[in-house]
C-alpha atoms as a PDB file:
ATOM      1  CA  MET A   1      -0.053   0.310  -0.072  1.00  0.00           C
ATOM      2  CA  LYS A   2       1.675   3.303  -0.971  1.00  0.00           C
ATOM      3  CA  LYS A   3       1.150   6.115   1.188  1.00  0.00           C
ATOM      4  CA  LEU A   4       1.349   9.564  -0.058  1.00  0.00           C
ATOM      5  CA  ILE A   5       1.836  12.498   2.650  1.00  0.00           C
ATOM      6  CA  VAL A   6       1.620  15.845   1.501  1.00  0.00           C
ATOM      7  CA  THR A   7       2.937  18.610   4.686  1.00  0.00           C
ATOM      8  CA  ILE A   8       2.502  22.096   4.510  1.00  0.00           C
ATOM      9  CA  PRO A   9       3.913  24.062   7.248  1.00  0.00           C
ATOM     10  CA  ALA A  10       2.396  26.879   7.929  1.00  0.00           C
ATOM     11  CA  PHE A  11       2.102  30.282  10.053  1.00  0.00           C
ATOM     12  CA  ASN A  12      -1.000  32.373  10.477  1.00  0.00           C
ATOM     13  CA  GLU A  13      -2.368  30.946   7.116  1.00  0.00           C
ATOM     14  CA  GLU A  14      -5.751  31.002   7.807  1.00  0.00           C
ATOM     15  CA  GLU A  15      -6.576  32.527   4.680  1.00  0.00           C
ATOM     16  CA  ASN A  16      -5.333  30.572   2.216  1.00  0.00           C
ATOM     17  CA  ILE A  17      -4.847  26.884   3.935  1.00  0.00           C
ATOM     18  CA  ALA A  18      -8.326  25.791   3.600  1.00  0.00           C
ATOM     19  CA  GLU A  19      -8.304  26.308   0.017  1.00  0.00           C
ATOM     20  CA  VAL A  20      -5.089  24.655  -0.633  1.00  0.00           C
ATOM     21  CA  ILE A  21      -5.941  21.641   1.447  1.00  0.00           C
ATOM     22  CA  ARG A  22      -9.070  21.160  -0.223  1.00  0.00           C
ATOM     23  CA  GLU A  23      -6.890  21.725  -3.806  1.00  0.00           C
ATOM     24  CA  ILE A  24      -4.882  18.017  -2.696  1.00  0.00           C
ATOM     25  CA  PRO A  25      -6.015  15.122  -5.150  1.00  0.00           C
ATOM     26  CA  ARG A  26      -6.720  12.723  -3.040  1.00  0.00           C
ATOM     27  CA  THR A  27      -7.100  10.072  -5.845  1.00  0.00           C
ATOM     28  CA  ILE A  28      -3.609   9.435  -8.150  1.00  0.00           C
ATOM     29  CA  PRO A  29      -2.273   7.080  -9.958  1.00  0.00           C
ATOM     30  CA  GLY A  30      -0.253   4.481  -7.984  1.00  0.00           C
ATOM     31  CA  ILE A  31      -0.974   5.677  -5.058  1.00  0.00           C
ATOM     32  CA  ASP A  32      -3.975   4.029  -1.912  1.00  0.00           C
ATOM     33  CA  CYS A  33      -3.642   6.725  -0.022  1.00  0.00           C
ATOM     34  CA  VAL A  34      -3.135  10.228   1.019  1.00  0.00           C
ATOM     35  CA  GLU A  35      -3.466  12.001   3.995  1.00  0.00           C
ATOM     36  CA  VAL A  36      -2.495  16.047   4.813  1.00  0.00           C
ATOM     37  CA  LEU A  37      -0.057  16.816   7.984  1.00  0.00           C
ATOM     38  CA  VAL A  38      -0.065  20.776   8.594  1.00  0.00           C
ATOM     39  CA  PHE A  39       2.511  21.494  10.582  1.00  0.00           C
ATOM     40  CA  ASP A  40       1.456  25.024  12.329  1.00  0.00           C
ATOM     41  CA  ASP A  41       4.497  27.195  13.783  1.00  0.00           C
ATOM     42  CA  GLY A  42       2.982  29.048  16.429  1.00  0.00           C
ATOM     43  CA  SER A  43      -0.182  30.809  14.406  1.00  0.00           C
ATOM     44  CA  THR A  44      -1.775  33.515  16.862  1.00  0.00           C
ATOM     45  CA  ASP A  45      -5.083  32.725  14.163  1.00  0.00           C
ATOM     46  CA  ARG A  46      -7.499  30.292  13.085  1.00  0.00           C
ATOM     47  CA  THR A  47      -4.952  28.006  10.763  1.00  0.00           C
ATOM     48  CA  CYS A  48      -5.405  24.767  12.638  1.00  0.00           C
ATOM     49  CA  GLU A  49      -8.960  25.458  12.999  1.00  0.00           C
ATOM     50  CA  LEU A  50      -9.743  25.642   9.142  1.00  0.00           C
ATOM     51  CA  ALA A  51      -6.962  23.114   8.328  1.00  0.00           C
ATOM     52  CA  ARG A  52      -9.160  20.656  10.496  1.00  0.00           C
ATOM     53  CA  ALA A  53     -12.412  21.653   8.596  1.00  0.00           C
ATOM     54  CA  ALA A  54     -11.062  21.577   5.745  1.00  0.00           C
ATOM     55  CA  GLY A  55     -10.011  17.848   5.441  1.00  0.00           C
ATOM     56  CA  ALA A  56      -6.626  18.070   7.176  1.00  0.00           C
ATOM     57  CA  GLU A  57      -5.950  14.269   9.029  1.00  0.00           C
ATOM     58  CA  HIS A  58      -2.410  15.376  10.695  1.00  0.00           C
ATOM     59  CA  ILE A  59      -2.013  18.682  12.800  1.00  0.00           C
ATOM     60  CA  ARG A  60       1.068  18.914  14.600  1.00  0.00           C
ATOM     61  CA  THR A  61       2.007  22.736  16.520  1.00  0.00           C
ATOM     62  CA  HIS A  62       4.639  24.654  17.947  1.00  0.00           C
ATOM     63  CA  ALA A  63       3.912  26.478  20.765  1.00  0.00           C
ATOM     64  CA  ARG A  64       5.674  29.517  19.211  1.00  0.00           C
ATOM     65  CA  ASN A  65       7.345  30.660  15.943  1.00  0.00           C
ATOM     66  CA  LYS A  66      10.086  28.661  15.312  1.00  0.00           C
ATOM     67  CA  GLY A  67      10.986  28.890  11.548  1.00  0.00           C
ATOM     68  CA  LEU A  68      10.558  27.877   8.267  1.00  0.00           C
ATOM     69  CA  ALA A  69      13.597  24.944   8.313  1.00  0.00           C
ATOM     70  CA  ILE A  70      12.933  23.957  11.519  1.00  0.00           C
ATOM     71  CA  THR A  71       9.090  23.218  11.040  1.00  0.00           C
ATOM     72  CA  PHE A  72       9.939  21.417   7.378  1.00  0.00           C
ATOM     73  CA  LYS A  73      12.728  19.468   9.077  1.00  0.00           C
ATOM     74  CA  GLU A  74       9.925  18.207  11.784  1.00  0.00           C
ATOM     75  CA  SER A  75       7.455  17.965   9.375  1.00  0.00           C
ATOM     76  CA  LEU A  76       9.122  15.295   7.204  1.00  0.00           C
ATOM     77  CA  TRP A  77      10.138  13.625  10.556  1.00  0.00           C
ATOM     78  CA  GLU A  78       6.529  13.083  11.696  1.00  0.00           C
ATOM     79  CA  ALA A  79       5.314  12.213   7.926  1.00  0.00           C
ATOM     80  CA  LEU A  80       7.810   9.217   8.252  1.00  0.00           C
ATOM     81  CA  GLN A  81       6.322   8.601  11.399  1.00  0.00           C
ATOM     82  CA  LEU A  82       2.844   8.671   9.678  1.00  0.00           C
ATOM     83  CA  GLY A  83       4.015   6.088   7.076  1.00  0.00           C
ATOM     84  CA  ALA A  84       4.466   7.688   4.283  1.00  0.00           C
ATOM     85  CA  ASP A  85       5.950   6.259   1.062  1.00  0.00           C
ATOM     86  CA  ILE A  86       6.099   9.666  -0.860  1.00  0.00           C
ATOM     87  CA  ILE A  87       5.947  12.857   0.321  1.00  0.00           C
ATOM     88  CA  VAL A  88       5.106  16.334  -1.042  1.00  0.00           C
ATOM     89  CA  ASN A  89       5.686  19.415   0.533  1.00  0.00           C
ATOM     90  CA  THR A  90       4.057  22.310  -0.683  1.00  0.00           C
ATOM     91  CA  ASP A  91       3.575  26.560   0.938  1.00  0.00           C
ATOM     92  CA  GLY A  92       0.115  26.956   2.315  1.00  0.00           C
ATOM     93  CA  ASP A  93       0.473  30.536   0.854  1.00  0.00           C
ATOM     94  CA  ASN A  94      -1.495  29.314  -2.139  1.00  0.00           C
ATOM     95  CA  HIS A  95       1.915  29.901  -4.023  1.00  0.00           C
ATOM     96  CA  TYR A  96       2.215  26.258  -6.198  1.00  0.00           C
ATOM     97  CA  ASP A  97      -0.719  24.667  -8.072  1.00  0.00           C
ATOM     98  CA  GLN A  98      -1.444  21.428  -5.516  1.00  0.00           C
ATOM     99  CA  SER A  99      -4.012  20.081  -8.437  1.00  0.00           C
ATOM    100  CA  ARG A 100      -0.434  18.868 -10.407  1.00  0.00           C
ATOM    101  CA  ILE A 101       0.436  17.080  -7.276  1.00  0.00           C
ATOM    102  CA  PRO A 102       0.075  14.138  -9.330  1.00  0.00           C
ATOM    103  CA  GLU A 103       2.750  15.370 -11.706  1.00  0.00           C
ATOM    104  CA  LEU A 104       5.316  15.635  -8.599  1.00  0.00           C
ATOM    105  CA  VAL A 105       5.089  12.408  -7.566  1.00  0.00           C
ATOM    106  CA  ALA A 106       4.984  10.359 -10.994  1.00  0.00           C
ATOM    107  CA  PRO A 107       8.971  10.048 -11.222  1.00  0.00           C
ATOM    108  CA  ILE A 108       9.008   9.178  -8.118  1.00  0.00           C
ATOM    109  CA  LEU A 109       6.784   6.163  -8.196  1.00  0.00           C
ATOM    110  CA  ALA A 110       8.369   5.474 -11.634  1.00  0.00           C
ATOM    111  CA  GLY A 111      11.831   4.852  -9.594  1.00  0.00           C
ATOM    112  CA  ALA A 112      13.404   7.973 -11.932  1.00  0.00           C
ATOM    113  CA  ALA A 113      13.524  10.051  -9.011  1.00  0.00           C
ATOM    114  CA  ASP A 114      14.160  10.249  -5.705  1.00  0.00           C
ATOM    115  CA  ILE A 115      13.608  14.094  -5.543  1.00  0.00           C
ATOM    116  CA  THR A 116      11.228  15.869  -7.335  1.00  0.00           C
ATOM    117  CA  ILE A 117      11.246  19.766  -7.826  1.00  0.00           C
ATOM    118  CA  GLY A 118       8.095  21.840  -8.833  1.00  0.00           C
ATOM    119  CA  SER A 119       9.750  24.480 -10.468  1.00  0.00           C
ATOM    120  CA  ARG A 120       8.206  27.772 -10.864  1.00  0.00           C
ATOM    121  CA  LYS A 121       9.511  28.739 -14.273  1.00  0.00           C
ATOM    122  CA  VAL A 122      10.761  31.819 -12.938  1.00  0.00           C
ATOM    123  CA  ALA A 123      11.377  33.380 -16.169  1.00  0.00           C
ATOM    124  CA  GLU A 124       7.763  33.321 -17.298  1.00  0.00           C
ATOM    125  CA  LEU A 125       6.053  34.062 -13.988  1.00  0.00           C
ATOM    126  CA  GLU A 126       4.933  38.006 -14.793  1.00  0.00           C
ATOM    127  CA  HIS A 127       3.610  38.527 -11.692  1.00  0.00           C
ATOM    128  CA  MET A 128       6.824  38.063  -9.569  1.00  0.00           C
ATOM    129  CA  PRO A 129       8.454  41.442  -8.804  1.00  0.00           C
ATOM    130  CA  PHE A 130      11.417  42.342 -11.142  1.00  0.00           C
ATOM    131  CA  LEU A 131      13.797  42.655  -8.290  1.00  0.00           C
ATOM    132  CA  ASN A 132      12.601  39.373  -6.702  1.00  0.00           C
ATOM    133  CA  LYS A 133      12.725  37.522  -9.831  1.00  0.00           C
ATOM    134  CA  HIS A 134      15.933  38.477 -10.616  1.00  0.00           C
ATOM    135  CA  LEU A 135      17.391  37.609  -7.121  1.00  0.00           C
ATOM    136  CA  ASN A 136      15.649  34.326  -7.854  1.00  0.00           C
ATOM    137  CA  ARG A 137      17.522  33.570 -11.034  1.00  0.00           C
ATOM    138  CA  ILE A 138      21.015  34.941  -9.660  1.00  0.00           C
ATOM    139  CA  GLY A 139      21.037  32.731  -6.669  1.00  0.00           C
ATOM    140  CA  SER A 140      19.614  30.039  -8.653  1.00  0.00           C
ATOM    141  CA  TYR A 141      22.819  30.460 -11.142  1.00  0.00           C
ATOM    142  CA  VAL A 142      25.427  31.073  -8.339  1.00  0.00           C
ATOM    143  CA  LEU A 143      24.558  27.848  -6.194  1.00  0.00           C
ATOM    144  CA  THR A 144      24.180  25.460  -8.986  1.00  0.00           C
ATOM    145  CA  LYS A 145      27.593  26.817 -11.373  1.00  0.00           C
ATOM    146  CA  TRP A 146      29.692  26.787  -7.735  1.00  0.00           C
ATOM    147  CA  VAL A 147      28.669  23.589  -7.090  1.00  0.00           C
ATOM    148  CA  GLY A 148      28.481  21.583  -9.999  1.00  0.00           C
ATOM    149  CA  MET A 149      24.564  20.844 -10.527  1.00  0.00           C
ATOM    150  CA  PRO A 150      22.754  21.135 -13.069  1.00  0.00           C
ATOM    151  CA  ARG A 151      20.336  24.489 -13.715  1.00  0.00           C
ATOM    152  CA  MET A 152      17.183  24.497 -11.432  1.00  0.00           C
ATOM    153  CA  ASP A 153      14.820  26.705  -9.320  1.00  0.00           C
ATOM    154  CA  VAL A 154      16.328  26.042  -6.003  1.00  0.00           C
ATOM    155  CA  SER A 155      14.890  28.297  -4.342  1.00  0.00           C
ATOM    156  CA  THR A 156      11.119  26.770  -4.887  1.00  0.00           C
ATOM    157  CA  GLY A 157       9.930  24.927  -1.823  1.00  0.00           C
ATOM    158  CA  TYR A 158       7.198  22.247  -3.797  1.00  0.00           C
ATOM    159  CA  ARG A 159       9.056  19.415  -3.650  1.00  0.00           C
ATOM    160  CA  GLY A 160       8.372  15.573  -3.812  1.00  0.00           C
ATOM    161  CA  TYR A 161      10.766  13.091  -1.623  1.00  0.00           C
ATOM    162  CA  SER A 162      10.834   9.305  -1.196  1.00  0.00           C
ATOM    163  CA  ARG A 163      10.930   7.776   1.700  1.00  0.00           C
ATOM    164  CA  THR A 164      14.127   7.184   1.585  1.00  0.00           C
ATOM    165  CA  ALA A 165      15.504  10.308   0.366  1.00  0.00           C
ATOM    166  CA  ALA A 166      13.338  12.011   3.804  1.00  0.00           C
ATOM    167  CA  ILE A 167      15.041   9.548   5.926  1.00  0.00           C
ATOM    168  CA  GLN A 168      18.876  10.225   4.241  1.00  0.00           C
ATOM    169  CA  LEU A 169      18.069  14.624   4.195  1.00  0.00           C
ATOM    170  CA  GLY A 170      20.117  16.960   6.473  1.00  0.00           C
ATOM    171  CA  VAL A 171      18.632  20.076   6.859  1.00  0.00           C
ATOM    172  CA  TYR A 172      21.443  22.514   8.341  1.00  0.00           C
ATOM    173  CA  SER A 173      20.500  26.045   7.809  1.00  0.00           C
ATOM    174  CA  LEU A 174      17.886  27.818   9.618  1.00  0.00           C
ATOM    175  CA  HIS A 175      17.458  30.448   7.526  1.00  0.00           C
ATOM    176  CA  THR A 176      15.699  28.269   4.708  1.00  0.00           C
ATOM    177  CA  TYR A 177      15.835  24.062   4.053  1.00  0.00           C
ATOM    178  CA  VAL A 178      15.358  24.965   0.399  1.00  0.00           C
ATOM    179  CA  HIS A 179      19.551  25.617  -0.312  1.00  0.00           C
ATOM    180  CA  THR A 180      20.593  22.699   2.491  1.00  0.00           C
ATOM    181  CA  THR A 181      18.415  20.295   1.639  1.00  0.00           C
ATOM    182  CA  LEU A 182      19.433  20.290  -2.416  1.00  0.00           C
ATOM    183  CA  LEU A 183      22.949  20.237  -1.462  1.00  0.00           C
ATOM    184  CA  SER A 184      22.521  17.379   0.941  1.00  0.00           C
ATOM    185  CA  ALA A 185      20.686  15.370  -1.610  1.00  0.00           C
ATOM    186  CA  GLN A 186      23.490  16.279  -4.270  1.00  0.00           C
ATOM    187  CA  ASP A 187      26.249  15.155  -2.460  1.00  0.00           C
ATOM    188  CA  LEU A 188      23.739  11.915  -1.011  1.00  0.00           C
ATOM    189  CA  HIS A 189      24.139  10.858  -4.934  1.00  0.00           C
ATOM    190  CA  LEU A 190      20.048  11.065  -4.491  1.00  0.00           C
ATOM    191  CA  ASN A 191      18.401  11.441  -8.085  1.00  0.00           C
ATOM    192  CA  ILE A 192      16.694  14.856  -8.466  1.00  0.00           C
ATOM    193  CA  LEU A 193      14.665  15.647 -11.093  1.00  0.00           C
ATOM    194  CA  GLU A 194      12.755  19.045 -12.274  1.00  0.00           C
ATOM    195  CA  VAL A 195       9.397  19.213 -13.122  1.00  0.00           C
ATOM    196  CA  PRO A 196       8.020  22.386 -14.487  1.00  0.00           C
ATOM    197  CA  ILE A 197       4.815  23.735 -12.333  1.00  0.00           C
ATOM    198  CA  LYS A 198       4.033  27.471 -13.015  1.00  0.00           C
ATOM    199  CA  ALA A 199       3.443  28.929  -9.632  1.00  0.00           C
ATOM    200  CA  ARG A 200       0.677  31.436  -8.665  1.00  0.00           C
ATOM    201  CA  LYS A 201       0.934  34.893  -8.017  1.00  0.00           C
ATOM    202  CA  VAL A 202       0.792  35.536  -3.500  1.00  0.00           C
ATOM    203  CA  THR A 203      -1.189  38.691  -2.887  1.00  0.00           C
ATOM    204  CA  ARG A 204      -0.025  38.632   1.096  1.00  0.00           C
ATOM    205  CA  ARG A 205       4.091  39.924   1.874  1.00  0.00           C
ATOM    206  CA  SER A 206       6.603  37.376   2.258  1.00  0.00           C
ATOM    207  CA  ARG A 207       6.844  35.984   5.591  1.00  0.00           C
ATOM    208  CA  LEU A 208      10.568  34.990   4.464  1.00  0.00           C
ATOM    209  CA  ILE A 209      11.909  38.418   2.573  1.00  0.00           C
ATOM    210  CA  LYS A 210      10.910  41.118   5.038  1.00  0.00           C
ATOM    211  CA  SER A 211      13.139  43.618   3.283  1.00  0.00           C
ATOM    212  CA  ILE A 212      14.994  43.313   0.147  1.00  0.00           C
ATOM    213  CA  PRO A 213      18.728  44.232   2.110  1.00  0.00           C
ATOM    214  CA  SER A 214      17.958  42.034   4.231  1.00  0.00           C
ATOM    215  CA  HIS A 215      16.711  38.935   2.674  1.00  0.00           C
ATOM    216  CA  LEU A 216      20.094  39.309   0.144  1.00  0.00           C
ATOM    217  CA  TRP A 217      22.408  39.143   3.205  1.00  0.00           C
ATOM    218  CA  LYS A 218      20.422  36.447   4.277  1.00  0.00           C
ATOM    219  CA  ALA A 219      20.544  34.711   1.193  1.00  0.00           C
ATOM    220  CA  SER A 220      24.300  34.908   0.167  1.00  0.00           C
ATOM    221  CA  VAL A 221      25.816  34.257   3.708  1.00  0.00           C
ATOM    222  CA  ASN A 222      23.328  31.034   3.135  1.00  0.00           C
ATOM    223  CA  ILE A 223      24.912  30.317   0.170  1.00  0.00           C
ATOM    224  CA  VAL A 224      28.183  30.561   0.786  1.00  0.00           C
ATOM    225  CA  ARG A 225      28.336  28.659   4.445  1.00  0.00           C
ATOM    226  CA  ASN A 226      26.344  25.609   1.992  1.00  0.00           C
ATOM    227  CA  VAL A 227      29.197  25.864  -0.766  1.00  0.00           C
ATOM    228  CA  VAL A 228      31.930  25.785   2.374  1.00  0.00           C
ATOM    229  CA  LEU A 229      29.829  22.882   3.791  1.00  0.00           C
ATOM    230  CA  PHE A 230      28.971  20.688   0.781  1.00  0.00           C
ATOM    231  CA  ARG A 231      32.484  21.868  -1.605  1.00  0.00           C
ATOM    232  CA  PRO A 232      35.668  23.466   0.604  1.00  0.00           C
ATOM    233  CA  LEU A 233      38.018  22.456  -1.566  1.00  0.00           C
ATOM    234  CA  ARG A 234      36.733  24.138  -4.938  1.00  0.00           C
ATOM    235  CA  PHE A 235      35.543  27.187  -2.791  1.00  0.00           C
ATOM    236  CA  PHE A 236      39.094  27.989  -0.466  1.00  0.00           C
ATOM    237  CA  GLY A 237      40.438  26.517  -3.959  1.00  0.00           C
ATOM    238  CA  ILE A 238      39.387  29.272  -6.065  1.00  0.00           C
ATOM    239  CA  CYS A 239      40.982  31.829  -3.164  1.00  0.00           C
ATOM    240  CA  SER A 240      44.249  29.655  -3.001  1.00  0.00           C
ATOM    241  CA  VAL A 241      44.281  30.629  -6.982  1.00  0.00           C
ATOM    242  CA  VAL A 242      42.737  34.087  -6.556  1.00  0.00           C
ATOM    243  CA  LEU A 243      45.368  35.112  -4.064  1.00  0.00           C
ATOM    244  CA  PHE A 244      48.421  33.423  -5.797  1.00  0.00           C
ATOM    245  CA  GLY A 245      47.713  35.510  -8.576  1.00  0.00           C
ATOM    246  CA  VAL A 246      47.351  38.654  -7.140  1.00  0.00           C
ATOM    247  CA  GLY A 247      50.678  37.766  -5.168  1.00  0.00           C
ATOM    248  CA  ALA A 248      52.050  36.801  -8.345  1.00  0.00           C
ATOM    249  CA  ALA A 249      51.516  39.590  -9.900  1.00  0.00           C
ATOM    250  CA  ALA A 250      53.112  41.966  -7.393  1.00  0.00           C
ATOM    251  CA  ILE A 251      56.213  39.581  -7.335  1.00  0.00           C
ATOM    252  CA  SER A 252      56.327  40.525 -11.185  1.00  0.00           C
ATOM    253  CA  ARG A 253      55.642  44.151 -10.773  1.00  0.00           C
ATOM    254  CA  PHE A 254      58.700  44.120  -8.123  1.00  0.00           C
ATOM    255  CA  LEU A 255      60.895  42.719 -10.630  1.00  0.00           C
ATOM    256  CA  TYR A 256      60.070  44.358 -13.447  1.00  0.00           C
ATOM    257  CA  PHE A 257      61.111  47.760 -11.136  1.00  0.00           C
ATOM    258  CA  TYR A 258      63.899  46.100  -9.874  1.00  0.00           C
ATOM    259  CA  PHE A 259      65.761  45.393 -13.124  1.00  0.00           C
ATOM    260  CA  ILE A 260      64.705  48.643 -14.573  1.00  0.00           C
ATOM    261  CA  ASP A 261      66.202  51.170 -11.572  1.00  0.00           C
ATOM    262  CA  GLY A 262      67.100  48.038  -8.791  1.00  0.00           C
ATOM    263  CA  GLY A 263      63.505  48.232  -7.071  1.00  0.00           C
ATOM    264  CA  ARG A 264      64.280  51.256  -5.258  1.00  0.00           C
ATOM    265  CA  GLY A 265      60.756  52.381  -3.994  1.00  0.00           C
ATOM    266  CA  HIS A 266      59.019  49.001  -4.468  1.00  0.00           C
ATOM    267  CA  VAL A 267      59.616  46.567  -1.434  1.00  0.00           C
ATOM    268  CA  GLN A 268      55.753  47.394  -0.451  1.00  0.00           C
ATOM    269  CA  SER A 269      55.331  45.117  -3.426  1.00  0.00           C
ATOM    270  CA  LEU A 270      57.391  42.084  -2.232  1.00  0.00           C
ATOM    271  CA  ILE A 271      55.936  42.621   0.932  1.00  0.00           C
ATOM    272  CA  LEU A 272      52.523  41.950  -0.615  1.00  0.00           C
ATOM    273  CA  ALA A 273      52.958  39.707  -2.652  1.00  0.00           C
ATOM    274  CA  GLY A 274      54.776  37.252   0.157  1.00  0.00           C
ATOM    275  CA  VAL A 275      51.225  37.985   2.635  1.00  0.00           C
ATOM    276  CA  LEU A 276      49.451  37.018  -0.574  1.00  0.00           C
ATOM    277  CA  ILE A 277      50.948  33.476  -1.580  1.00  0.00           C
ATOM    278  CA  ILE A 278      50.949  32.496   2.217  1.00  0.00           C
ATOM    279  CA  LEU A 279      46.992  33.210   2.740  1.00  0.00           C
ATOM    280  CA  SER A 280      46.740  31.511  -0.507  1.00  0.00           C
ATOM    281  CA  PHE A 281      48.941  28.695   1.273  1.00  0.00           C
ATOM    282  CA  ASN A 282      46.313  28.839   4.125  1.00  0.00           C
ATOM    283  CA  SER A 283      43.291  28.954   1.885  1.00  0.00           C
ATOM    284  CA  LEU A 284      44.487  25.659   0.228  1.00  0.00           C
ATOM    285  CA  MET A 285      44.935  23.849   3.011  1.00  0.00           C
ATOM    286  CA  LEU A 286      41.388  24.828   4.835  1.00  0.00           C
ATOM    287  CA  GLY A 287      40.422  23.387   1.907  1.00  0.00           C
ATOM    288  CA  PHE A 288      41.593  19.966   2.122  1.00  0.00           C
ATOM    289  CA  LEU A 289      41.059  19.848   5.585  1.00  0.00           C
ATOM    290  CA  GLY A 290      37.369  20.942   5.334  1.00  0.00           C
ATOM    291  CA  SER A 291      37.408  17.970   2.387  1.00  0.00           C
ATOM    292  CA  SER A 292      38.111  15.688   4.942  1.00  0.00           C
ATOM    293  CA  MET A 293      36.023  16.813   7.934  1.00  0.00           C
ATOM    294  CA  GLY A 294      33.233  16.224   4.936  1.00  0.00           C
ATOM    295  CA  TRP A 295      33.910  12.686   5.161  1.00  0.00           C
ATOM    296  CA  SER A 296      33.519  12.455   8.672  1.00  0.00           C
ATOM    297  CA  ARG A 297      30.312  14.137   8.073  1.00  0.00           C
ATOM    298  CA  LYS A 298      29.550  11.576   4.953  1.00  0.00           C
ATOM    299  CA  ILE A 299      30.141   8.507   7.966  1.00  0.00           C
ATOM    300  CA  SER A 300      28.237  10.708  10.395  1.00  0.00           C
ATOM    301  CA  GLU A 301      25.589  11.117   7.618  1.00  0.00           C
ATOM    302  CA  GLU A 302      25.107   7.146   6.988  1.00  0.00           C
ATOM    303  CA  ILE A 303      25.039   6.268  10.865  1.00  0.00           C
ATOM    304  CA  LEU A 304      22.324   8.751  11.795  1.00  0.00           C
ATOM    305  CA  PHE A 305      20.598   6.869   8.392  1.00  0.00           C
ATOM    306  CA  PHE A 306      20.761   3.715   9.550  1.00  0.00           C
ATOM    307  CA  ILE A 307      19.592   4.933  13.494  1.00  0.00           C
ATOM    308  CA  LYS A 308      16.552   6.843  11.831  1.00  0.00           C
ATOM    309  CA  LYS A 309      15.561   4.043   9.957  1.00  0.00           C
ATOM    310  CA  ARG A 310      15.628   1.195  12.349  1.00  0.00           C
ATOM    311  CA  GLU A 311      13.844   3.733  14.981  1.00  0.00           C
ATOM    312  CA  LEU A 312      10.840   4.100  12.081  1.00  0.00           C
ATOM    313  CA  GLU A 313      11.066   0.188  12.272  1.00  0.00           C
ATOM    314  CA  GLN A 314      10.703  -0.287  15.272  1.00  0.00           C
ATOM    315  CA  TYR A 315       7.814   2.706  15.991  1.00  0.00           C
ATOM    316  CA  THR A 316       5.560   1.115  13.422  1.00  0.00           C
ATOM    317  CA  HIS A 317       6.171  -2.241  14.641  1.00  0.00           C
ATOM    318  CA  ASP A 318       5.433  -0.827  18.257  1.00  0.00           C
ATOM    319  CA  LYS A 319       1.926   0.697  16.870  1.00  0.00           C
ATOM    320  CA  VAL A 320       0.922  -2.573  15.089  1.00  0.00           C
ATOM    321  CA  ASP A 321       1.454  -4.301  18.636  1.00  0.00           C
ATOM    322  CA  HIS A 322      -0.346  -1.229  20.399  1.00  0.00           C
ATOM    323  CA  ASN A 323      -3.559  -1.377  17.396  1.00  0.00           C
END
């Protein structure tokens, strides 16, 4: 029996939550059971009440707001405990088209993907503000280019996960989960497939983007941290090459003036070159150190995977015995 659970992290979504839940298809080819899990992140409105009235089978709550990344991580774990074979995550603001969930889960059912990405087709969204659209596109380009990932919409939260992928994924960021989970999936050699599903206009103000400068700063820091975490040798290697190049240019400058007039008054170029080349060497060593730590992280992730898998099996066994 194949069970699909649609998870909806929500915070003060009383205007949209019922519509989101009602749009979720309850009959999908290849799926025997479709259930909805709403994880309320400390809402102060009627989100839970309206979600229950709209047909959500499972509702979990935080006593206070903990943020989207933590809520998403706990939603995945709750869905796994409820016996989900496939999990689809969507937002509570009705930004995504829930009626197209069958398209999102089809590659997972066919065994062609471990994770599916509901691409918003950002370049074609006429209703998305100009700055938001192009910051999204730049962020996607930079992140995928730096880590060697195929171009895709890295910022969408509309995704499908196989049970195995959901158990394995790591959520390392508290700002947003969308980037780290993709990098974690790539690092785990999970198959990721993009499914074009055009997004809808959201009328309310974004909860994540309180101001463009603030979001740009947080997103940039988050991208750099993710690249350093998952691709340390590439990041520090590039820094090393740049520093060495500038240092070599400074040495060349000194040598030029040395042969012209004995180098008088240009010793500072030699000092700068020495400092930059030392920093270049240090940067390369940081890359190797980060790469070796990455192996330790992978071993820890494998151990955690087996622990979580066994805990879920034990939880299911105890639940059957109790019933």
